[in-house]
Amino acid sequence: MNFKILIIAFSVLCFVGCNQHEQTLIHEYNLGKEEYRKGNLAGSKKHFKRAVSIKTDYRDVPLYLAKIAYYQGKYEDVGYQLETMLNDETYAYQANLLKLKNDFVFSKDRVGLSKALENALAKDSSNLEILLMAAKVSEELGKIGHSILLYERTIQESSKIALAHQNLFRIYNQAGIKERAKYHSKKFELWNEKHEYQK
C-alpha cells in the first residue's frame, strides 16, 4: 500500500515539475518573440536562450537565434544556429533563405554560393531576394550575360507587385473596405510614379 502511495506521489511531482518547465518554456518563447517584434535583439536573445536551455529545438527558436546573430553581424554564428532548421518541415524554407543571405554577406566561396542560389531558384524562381543575390554573384564571377538575365527576371517579378496592388485595390473597393482599398491604391500609384521617373 505504501509503495502505491509513493508511486502516485512521485508521478504527481513529475507531472507538476514537467508542467512547470513547459510553462516556463512557453513564457520565455513568447517574451522572446515580443522583444524581437519590438526590435530589442539583446532582450529577445536572452529569452530565446532560456527557452533553448529547456528544450533545444523548441519551435522556431533556433531560427530566431540565427536571425538575431545575422542582424548583429555575427555571421559565423548563423550557420550553427540554422543546423537543426535546414531540413525542418515547417521552417526549412526560411532557414535556407537566411543561410543564403548569410553566405552572400559572409562566404568567400562565390562559386559554391552561385550553385546554392541556382538550386534555390529552381525551387522558387520568383523570390526577389534570391534573384538579386544570384544576379550580383554572377556579376562578381564575370558571368555578365547570366547576371543580366537574372536582373531582367527580377524586374519582371517586381512588376507583378504593381498588378497585385491594383487587383487588391479593386477587390477591397468592391468589398467596401475603403481603408485597405486606399492603401493599395496608394501603393500602386507610388509604384507607377517611381517607375515613370526611372524611364
C-alpha atoms as a PDB file:
ATOM      1  CA  MET A   1       0.000   0.000   0.000  1.00  0.00           C
ATOM      2  CA  ASN A   2       2.774   2.446   0.953  1.00  0.00           C
ATOM      3  CA  PHE A   3       4.562   1.601  -2.282  1.00  0.00           C
ATOM      4  CA  LYS A   4       1.473   2.597  -4.340  1.00  0.00           C
ATOM      5  CA  ILE A   5       1.216   5.904  -2.477  1.00  0.00           C
ATOM      6  CA  LEU A   6       4.908   6.556  -3.098  1.00  0.00           C
ATOM      7  CA  ILE A   7       4.492   5.881  -6.841  1.00  0.00           C
ATOM      8  CA  ILE A   8       1.425   8.148  -7.043  1.00  0.00           C
ATOM      9  CA  ALA A   9       3.221  10.924  -5.157  1.00  0.00           C
ATOM     10  CA  PHE A  10       6.263  10.589  -7.432  1.00  0.00           C
ATOM     11  CA  SER A  11       4.042  10.713 -10.541  1.00  0.00           C
ATOM     12  CA  VAL A  12       2.292  13.853  -9.304  1.00  0.00           C
ATOM     13  CA  LEU A  13       5.618  15.551  -8.575  1.00  0.00           C
ATOM     14  CA  CYS A  14       6.948  14.635 -12.030  1.00  0.00           C
ATOM     15  CA  PHE A  15       3.788  15.963 -13.672  1.00  0.00           C
ATOM     16  CA  VAL A  16       3.947  19.243 -11.748  1.00  0.00           C
ATOM     17  CA  GLY A  17       7.669  19.632 -12.496  1.00  0.00           C
ATOM     18  CA  CYS A  18       7.238  18.865 -16.203  1.00  0.00           C
ATOM     19  CA  ASN A  19       4.242  21.165 -16.449  1.00  0.00           C
ATOM     20  CA  GLN A  20       6.237  23.975 -14.799  1.00  0.00           C
ATOM     21  CA  HIS A  21       9.091  23.508 -17.317  1.00  0.00           C
ATOM     22  CA  GLU A  22       6.589  23.611 -20.192  1.00  0.00           C
ATOM     23  CA  GLN A  23       5.015  26.807 -18.843  1.00  0.00           C
ATOM     24  CA  THR A  24       8.428  28.418 -18.411  1.00  0.00           C
ATOM     25  CA  LEU A  25       9.379  27.366 -21.935  1.00  0.00           C
ATOM     26  CA  ILE A  26       6.228  28.864 -23.444  1.00  0.00           C
ATOM     27  CA  HIS A  27       6.616  32.030 -21.356  1.00  0.00           C
ATOM     28  CA  GLU A  28      10.243  32.567 -22.426  1.00  0.00           C
ATOM     29  CA  TYR A  29       9.363  31.827 -26.066  1.00  0.00           C
ATOM     30  CA  ASN A  30       6.544  34.396 -26.066  1.00  0.00           C
ATOM     31  CA  LEU A  31       8.722  37.002 -24.327  1.00  0.00           C
ATOM     32  CA  GLY A  32      11.477  36.360 -26.881  1.00  0.00           C
ATOM     33  CA  LYS A  33       9.067  36.880 -29.779  1.00  0.00           C
ATOM     34  CA  GLU A  34       7.682  40.060 -28.229  1.00  0.00           C
ATOM     35  CA  GLU A  35      11.151  41.538 -27.702  1.00  0.00           C
ATOM     36  CA  TYR A  36      12.102  40.554 -31.270  1.00  0.00           C
ATOM     37  CA  ARG A  37       8.980  42.264 -32.604  1.00  0.00           C
ATOM     38  CA  LYS A  38       9.951  45.418 -30.683  1.00  0.00           C
ATOM     39  CA  GLY A  39      13.459  45.297 -32.164  1.00  0.00           C
ATOM     40  CA  ASN A  40      15.156  44.515 -28.849  1.00  0.00           C
ATOM     41  CA  LEU A  41      17.523  41.852 -30.153  1.00  0.00           C
ATOM     42  CA  ALA A  42      19.532  41.524 -26.927  1.00  0.00           C
ATOM     43  CA  GLY A  43      16.399  41.012 -24.830  1.00  0.00           C
ATOM     44  CA  SER A  44      14.964  38.632 -27.386  1.00  0.00           C
ATOM     45  CA  LYS A  45      18.160  36.605 -27.464  1.00  0.00           C
ATOM     46  CA  LYS A  46      18.170  36.348 -23.666  1.00  0.00           C
ATOM     47  CA  HIS A  47      14.639  34.879 -23.604  1.00  0.00           C
ATOM     48  CA  PHE A  48      15.268  32.545 -26.530  1.00  0.00           C
ATOM     49  CA  LYS A  49      18.473  31.280 -24.873  1.00  0.00           C
ATOM     50  CA  ARG A  50      16.443  30.470 -21.767  1.00  0.00           C
ATOM     51  CA  ALA A  51      13.913  28.606 -23.924  1.00  0.00           C
ATOM     52  CA  VAL A  52      16.719  26.654 -25.622  1.00  0.00           C
ATOM     53  CA  SER A  53      18.133  25.701 -22.211  1.00  0.00           C
ATOM     54  CA  ILE A  54      14.813  23.936 -21.521  1.00  0.00           C
ATOM     55  CA  LYS A  55      14.292  22.409 -24.975  1.00  0.00           C
ATOM     56  CA  THR A  56      16.981  22.823 -27.647  1.00  0.00           C
ATOM     57  CA  ASP A  57      14.731  22.541 -30.691  1.00  0.00           C
ATOM     58  CA  TYR A  58      11.574  24.270 -29.486  1.00  0.00           C
ATOM     59  CA  ARG A  59       9.519  25.540 -32.423  1.00  0.00           C
ATOM     60  CA  ASP A  60      11.442  28.167 -34.413  1.00  0.00           C
ATOM     61  CA  VAL A  61      13.736  29.335 -31.596  1.00  0.00           C
ATOM     62  CA  PRO A  62      16.932  28.304 -33.460  1.00  0.00           C
ATOM     63  CA  LEU A  63      15.707  30.293 -36.487  1.00  0.00           C
ATOM     64  CA  TYR A  64      15.113  33.372 -34.326  1.00  0.00           C
ATOM     65  CA  LEU A  65      18.569  32.997 -32.777  1.00  0.00           C
ATOM     66  CA  ALA A  66      20.070  32.744 -36.268  1.00  0.00           C
ATOM     67  CA  LYS A  67      18.225  35.891 -37.382  1.00  0.00           C
ATOM     68  CA  ILE A  68      19.441  37.734 -34.301  1.00  0.00           C
ATOM     69  CA  ALA A  69      23.032  36.650 -34.981  1.00  0.00           C
ATOM     70  CA  TYR A  70      22.646  37.776 -38.613  1.00  0.00           C
ATOM     71  CA  TYR A  71      21.268  41.206 -37.681  1.00  0.00           C
ATOM     72  CA  GLN A  72      24.013  41.636 -35.084  1.00  0.00           C
ATOM     73  CA  GLY A  73      26.662  40.869 -37.711  1.00  0.00           C
ATOM     74  CA  LYS A  74      27.727  37.614 -36.050  1.00  0.00           C
ATOM     75  CA  TYR A  75      27.740  35.753 -39.357  1.00  0.00           C
ATOM     76  CA  GLU A  76      29.825  32.833 -38.101  1.00  0.00           C
ATOM     77  CA  ASP A  77      27.111  32.008 -35.534  1.00  0.00           C
ATOM     78  CA  VAL A  78      24.276  31.928 -38.076  1.00  0.00           C
ATOM     79  CA  GLY A  79      25.219  28.581 -39.611  1.00  0.00           C
ATOM     80  CA  TYR A  80      25.491  26.949 -36.209  1.00  0.00           C
ATOM     81  CA  GLN A  81      22.027  28.171 -35.211  1.00  0.00           C
ATOM     82  CA  LEU A  82      20.487  27.035 -38.505  1.00  0.00           C
ATOM     83  CA  GLU A  83      21.812  23.464 -38.491  1.00  0.00           C
ATOM     84  CA  THR A  84      18.669  21.969 -36.968  1.00  0.00           C
ATOM     85  CA  MET A  85      16.305  24.059 -39.098  1.00  0.00           C
ATOM     86  CA  LEU A  86      17.593  23.428 -42.637  1.00  0.00           C
ATOM     87  CA  ASN A  87      15.616  20.188 -43.029  1.00  0.00           C
ATOM     88  CA  ASP A  88      12.697  21.061 -40.780  1.00  0.00           C
ATOM     89  CA  GLU A  89       9.305  20.548 -42.471  1.00  0.00           C
ATOM     90  CA  THR A  90       7.918  23.852 -41.256  1.00  0.00           C
ATOM     91  CA  TYR A  91      10.926  26.182 -41.186  1.00  0.00           C
ATOM     92  CA  ALA A  92      13.323  24.839 -43.847  1.00  0.00           C
ATOM     93  CA  TYR A  93      12.419  27.451 -46.465  1.00  0.00           C
ATOM     94  CA  GLN A  94      13.041  30.372 -44.094  1.00  0.00           C
ATOM     95  CA  ALA A  95      16.187  28.756 -42.717  1.00  0.00           C
ATOM     96  CA  ASN A  96      17.636  28.111 -46.180  1.00  0.00           C
ATOM     97  CA  LEU A  97      16.833  31.655 -47.300  1.00  0.00           C
ATOM     98  CA  LEU A  98      18.604  33.057 -44.239  1.00  0.00           C
ATOM     99  CA  LYS A  99      21.561  30.756 -44.907  1.00  0.00           C
ATOM    100  CA  LEU A 100      21.791  32.089 -48.470  1.00  0.00           C
ATOM    101  CA  LYS A 101      21.636  35.690 -47.243  1.00  0.00           C
ATOM    102  CA  ASN A 102      24.289  34.964 -44.623  1.00  0.00           C
ATOM    103  CA  ASP A 103      26.538  33.239 -47.167  1.00  0.00           C
ATOM    104  CA  PHE A 104      26.052  36.168 -49.545  1.00  0.00           C
ATOM    105  CA  VAL A 105      27.476  38.502 -46.899  1.00  0.00           C
ATOM    106  CA  PHE A 106      29.997  36.209 -45.234  1.00  0.00           C
ATOM    107  CA  SER A 107      31.131  33.433 -47.582  1.00  0.00           C
ATOM    108  CA  LYS A 108      34.213  33.770 -49.743  1.00  0.00           C
ATOM    109  CA  ASP A 109      33.174  30.744 -51.837  1.00  0.00           C
ATOM    110  CA  ARG A 110      31.254  32.587 -54.552  1.00  0.00           C
ATOM    111  CA  VAL A 111      31.161  29.569 -56.888  1.00  0.00           C
ATOM    112  CA  GLY A 112      29.544  27.405 -54.202  1.00  0.00           C
ATOM    113  CA  LEU A 113      27.154  30.232 -53.347  1.00  0.00           C
ATOM    114  CA  SER A 114      26.261  30.628 -57.014  1.00  0.00           C
ATOM    115  CA  LYS A 115      25.338  26.933 -57.194  1.00  0.00           C
ATOM    116  CA  ALA A 116      23.282  27.172 -53.987  1.00  0.00           C
ATOM    117  CA  LEU A 117      21.442  30.213 -55.347  1.00  0.00           C
ATOM    118  CA  GLU A 118      20.695  28.436 -58.626  1.00  0.00           C
ATOM    119  CA  ASN A 119      19.327  25.461 -56.671  1.00  0.00           C
ATOM    120  CA  ALA A 120      17.144  27.815 -54.666  1.00  0.00           C
ATOM    121  CA  LEU A 121      15.887  29.473 -57.853  1.00  0.00           C
ATOM    122  CA  ALA A 122      15.000  26.046 -59.239  1.00  0.00           C
ATOM    123  CA  LYS A 123      12.660  25.646 -56.247  1.00  0.00           C
ATOM    124  CA  ASP A 124      11.362  29.239 -56.166  1.00  0.00           C
ATOM    125  CA  SER A 125      12.088  31.205 -59.316  1.00  0.00           C
ATOM    126  CA  SER A 126      10.128  34.282 -58.257  1.00  0.00           C
ATOM    127  CA  ASN A 127      11.883  35.145 -54.986  1.00  0.00           C
ATOM    128  CA  LEU A 128      13.256  38.653 -55.499  1.00  0.00           C
ATOM    129  CA  GLU A 129      15.935  38.352 -52.814  1.00  0.00           C
ATOM    130  CA  ILE A 130      17.321  35.165 -54.337  1.00  0.00           C
ATOM    131  CA  LEU A 131      17.177  36.642 -57.850  1.00  0.00           C
ATOM    132  CA  LEU A 132      19.077  39.747 -56.772  1.00  0.00           C
ATOM    133  CA  MET A 133      21.729  37.778 -54.879  1.00  0.00           C
ATOM    134  CA  ALA A 134      22.162  35.383 -57.805  1.00  0.00           C
ATOM    135  CA  ALA A 135      22.481  38.297 -60.240  1.00  0.00           C
ATOM    136  CA  LYS A 136      25.107  40.016 -58.090  1.00  0.00           C
ATOM    137  CA  VAL A 137      27.141  36.827 -57.550  1.00  0.00           C
ATOM    138  CA  SER A 138      27.011  36.057 -61.279  1.00  0.00           C
ATOM    139  CA  GLU A 139      28.282  39.566 -61.941  1.00  0.00           C
ATOM    140  CA  GLU A 140      31.107  39.080 -59.413  1.00  0.00           C
ATOM    141  CA  LEU A 141      32.070  35.824 -61.149  1.00  0.00           C
ATOM    142  CA  GLY A 142      32.194  37.558 -64.530  1.00  0.00           C
ATOM    143  CA  LYS A 143      29.079  35.836 -65.871  1.00  0.00           C
ATOM    144  CA  ILE A 144      27.713  39.089 -67.240  1.00  0.00           C
ATOM    145  CA  GLY A 145      25.151  37.551 -69.633  1.00  0.00           C
ATOM    146  CA  HIS A 146      23.686  35.418 -66.869  1.00  0.00           C
ATOM    147  CA  SER A 147      23.718  38.376 -64.499  1.00  0.00           C
ATOM    148  CA  ILE A 148      21.753  40.490 -66.998  1.00  0.00           C
ATOM    149  CA  LEU A 149      19.223  37.685 -67.421  1.00  0.00           C
ATOM    150  CA  LEU A 150      18.735  37.439 -63.644  1.00  0.00           C
ATOM    151  CA  TYR A 151      18.363  41.203 -63.224  1.00  0.00           C
ATOM    152  CA  GLU A 152      15.757  41.210 -66.023  1.00  0.00           C
ATOM    153  CA  ARG A 153      13.865  38.390 -64.300  1.00  0.00           C
ATOM    154  CA  THR A 154      13.931  40.473 -61.100  1.00  0.00           C
ATOM    155  CA  ILE A 155      12.323  43.390 -62.924  1.00  0.00           C
ATOM    156  CA  GLN A 156       9.667  41.078 -64.401  1.00  0.00           C
ATOM    157  CA  GLU A 157       8.808  39.704 -60.968  1.00  0.00           C
ATOM    158  CA  SER A 158       8.693  43.134 -59.335  1.00  0.00           C
ATOM    159  CA  SER A 159       6.233  44.381 -61.963  1.00  0.00           C
ATOM    160  CA  LYS A 160       3.826  41.736 -60.670  1.00  0.00           C
ATOM    161  CA  ILE A 161       3.773  43.626 -57.365  1.00  0.00           C
ATOM    162  CA  ALA A 162       2.057  46.565 -59.055  1.00  0.00           C
ATOM    163  CA  LEU A 163      -0.535  44.249 -60.588  1.00  0.00           C
ATOM    164  CA  ALA A 164      -1.185  42.695 -57.181  1.00  0.00           C
ATOM    165  CA  HIS A 165      -1.720  46.141 -55.608  1.00  0.00           C
ATOM    166  CA  GLN A 166      -4.035  47.115 -58.460  1.00  0.00           C
ATOM    167  CA  ASN A 167      -6.121  43.953 -58.055  1.00  0.00           C
ATOM    168  CA  LEU A 168      -6.216  44.236 -54.265  1.00  0.00           C
ATOM    169  CA  PHE A 169      -7.442  47.823 -54.619  1.00  0.00           C
ATOM    170  CA  ARG A 170     -10.263  46.627 -56.873  1.00  0.00           C
ATOM    171  CA  ILE A 171     -11.247  43.755 -54.558  1.00  0.00           C
ATOM    172  CA  TYR A 172     -11.181  45.823 -51.360  1.00  0.00           C
ATOM    173  CA  ASN A 173     -13.048  48.648 -53.076  1.00  0.00           C
ATOM    174  CA  GLN A 174     -15.779  46.239 -54.239  1.00  0.00           C
ATOM    175  CA  ALA A 175     -15.964  44.752 -50.744  1.00  0.00           C
ATOM    176  CA  GLY A 176     -16.401  48.212 -49.248  1.00  0.00           C
ATOM    177  CA  ILE A 177     -13.192  48.040 -47.201  1.00  0.00           C
ATOM    178  CA  LYS A 178     -12.142  51.563 -48.053  1.00  0.00           C
ATOM    179  CA  GLU A 179      -9.081  51.831 -45.802  1.00  0.00           C
ATOM    180  CA  ARG A 180      -7.409  48.774 -47.379  1.00  0.00           C
ATOM    181  CA  ALA A 181      -8.535  49.896 -50.869  1.00  0.00           C
ATOM    182  CA  LYS A 182      -6.936  53.300 -50.292  1.00  0.00           C
ATOM    183  CA  TYR A 183      -3.704  51.661 -49.055  1.00  0.00           C
ATOM    184  CA  HIS A 184      -3.335  49.503 -52.188  1.00  0.00           C
ATOM    185  CA  SER A 185      -4.349  52.359 -54.479  1.00  0.00           C
ATOM    186  CA  LYS A 186      -1.588  54.496 -52.951  1.00  0.00           C
ATOM    187  CA  LYS A 187       0.974  51.664 -53.270  1.00  0.00           C
ATOM    188  CA  PHE A 188       0.024  51.170 -56.927  1.00  0.00           C
ATOM    189  CA  GLU A 189       0.317  54.909 -57.621  1.00  0.00           C
ATOM    190  CA  LEU A 190       3.698  55.115 -55.878  1.00  0.00           C
ATOM    191  CA  TRP A 191       4.989  52.142 -57.840  1.00  0.00           C
ATOM    192  CA  ASN A 192       3.871  53.722 -61.114  1.00  0.00           C
ATOM    193  CA  GLU A 193       5.345  57.122 -60.203  1.00  0.00           C
ATOM    194  CA  LYS A 194       8.639  55.519 -59.232  1.00  0.00           C
ATOM    195  CA  HIS A 195       8.891  53.582 -62.476  1.00  0.00           C
ATOM    196  CA  GLU A 196       7.782  56.512 -64.638  1.00  0.00           C
ATOM    197  CA  TYR A 197      10.521  58.582 -63.016  1.00  0.00           C
ATOM    198  CA  GLN A 198      13.145  55.938 -63.790  1.00  0.00           C
ATOM    199  CA  LYS A 199      12.315  55.855 -67.530  1.00  0.00           C
END
